[in-house]
Amino acid sequence: MYAIVDFVGQQMKVEKEGKIFVHRLAAAEDTTVEFDKVLLLDNDGKIEVGAPYIAGCKIKAKVLSHMKGDKVMVFQEKKKKRIPEI
């Protein structure tokens, strides 16, 4: 059993008892969150496709922890012609 769900503008495949990483989710840790934007649902070979979402279908998830992403290093280079001579 799996479903394709729209999380904050991203479409992800979720499975029962599976773990996913979602960006920008405003919920406290150890709380349950419901998502009602289910695009596709596969229940043991029976596929149901929404137009655009499946009515009455909700996915429940538990927030395990909040993480920070990798630090982004930005380098800026200048042209040698613009460096003033001494």
Protein backbone atom coordinates (compact mmCIF):
# COMPACT_ATOMS: atom_id res chain seq x y z
CA MET A 1 0.00 0.00 0.00
CA TYR A 2 1.39 3.38 -1.00
CA ALA A 3 0.15 6.86 -1.88
CA ILE A 4 1.42 9.91 -3.74
CA VAL A 5 0.84 12.96 -1.52
CA ASP A 6 1.40 16.69 -2.04
CA PHE A 7 3.47 18.02 0.92
CA VAL A 8 3.98 21.79 0.87
CA GLY A 9 4.36 21.92 -2.93
CA GLN A 10 6.37 18.67 -3.23
CA GLN A 11 4.94 15.37 -4.40
CA MET A 12 6.22 12.36 -2.46
CA LYS A 13 5.56 8.64 -2.39
CA VAL A 14 4.64 7.48 1.11
CA GLU A 15 4.22 3.93 2.34
CA LYS A 16 2.67 2.50 5.47
CA GLU A 17 5.16 2.53 8.38
CA GLY A 18 7.69 4.41 6.20
CA LYS A 19 9.79 7.50 6.99
CA ILE A 20 10.19 10.57 4.78
CA PHE A 21 11.97 13.92 5.00
CA VAL A 22 9.71 16.95 4.44
CA HIS A 23 10.85 20.57 4.16
CA ARG A 24 9.17 23.50 5.92
CA LEU A 25 6.67 21.62 8.07
CA ALA A 26 5.40 23.86 10.88
CA ALA A 27 4.47 21.34 13.58
CA ALA A 28 5.95 20.46 16.97
CA GLU A 29 7.80 17.21 17.57
CA ASP A 30 5.78 14.12 18.57
CA THR A 31 2.54 15.55 17.14
CA THR A 32 0.29 13.97 14.55
CA VAL A 33 -0.25 15.79 11.25
CA GLU A 34 -2.92 15.05 8.64
CA PHE A 35 -2.44 15.60 4.92
CA ASP A 36 -5.54 15.63 2.73
CA LYS A 37 -3.92 16.32 -0.65
CA VAL A 38 -3.67 12.71 -1.83
CA LEU A 39 -3.07 12.46 -5.59
CA LEU A 40 -2.88 8.68 -6.03
CA LEU A 41 -3.68 5.71 -3.81
CA ASP A 42 -2.61 2.08 -4.43
CA ASN A 43 -4.35 -0.41 -2.16
CA ASP A 44 -3.07 -3.91 -2.99
CA GLY A 45 -3.19 -3.38 -6.75
CA LYS A 46 -6.37 -1.31 -6.78
CA ILE A 47 -5.24 2.13 -7.98
CA GLU A 48 -7.36 5.21 -7.37
CA VAL A 49 -6.41 8.50 -9.04
CA GLY A 50 -7.76 11.86 -7.90
CA ALA A 51 -8.83 14.79 -10.03
CA PRO A 52 -6.72 16.58 -8.70
CA TYR A 53 -7.14 15.11 -5.17
CA ILE A 54 -8.99 12.06 -3.84
CA ALA A 55 -12.02 13.22 -1.85
CA GLY A 56 -12.25 11.95 1.72
CA CYS A 57 -8.76 10.43 1.79
CA LYS A 58 -6.31 11.58 4.47
CA ILE A 59 -2.79 10.53 5.43
CA LYS A 60 -1.76 10.72 9.09
CA ALA A 61 1.91 11.21 9.98
CA LYS A 62 3.89 11.75 13.17
CA VAL A 63 6.66 14.36 13.37
CA LEU A 64 9.71 12.57 14.73
CA SER A 65 12.27 15.40 14.84
CA HIS A 66 13.33 18.66 13.22
CA MET A 67 16.66 18.77 11.42
CA LYS A 68 18.85 21.43 9.90
CA GLY A 69 20.13 20.98 6.38
CA ASP A 70 23.75 21.14 5.33
CA LYS A 71 25.46 24.52 5.56
CA VAL A 72 25.82 26.21 2.18
CA MET A 73 29.16 27.86 1.43
CA VAL A 74 29.01 30.78 -1.02
CA PHE A 75 32.17 32.08 -2.69
CA GLN A 76 32.28 35.27 -4.72
CA GLU A 77 35.10 35.91 -7.11
CA LYS A 78 35.97 39.27 -8.61
CA LYS A 79 37.67 39.95 -11.90
CA LYS A 80 41.36 40.77 -11.68
CA LYS A 81 40.89 43.94 -13.72
CA ARG A 82 38.79 45.52 -10.99
CA ILE A 83 41.34 45.07 -8.22
CA PRO A 84 43.06 48.44 -7.59
CA GLU A 85 46.82 48.52 -8.00
CA ILE A 86 48.97 49.80 -5.20
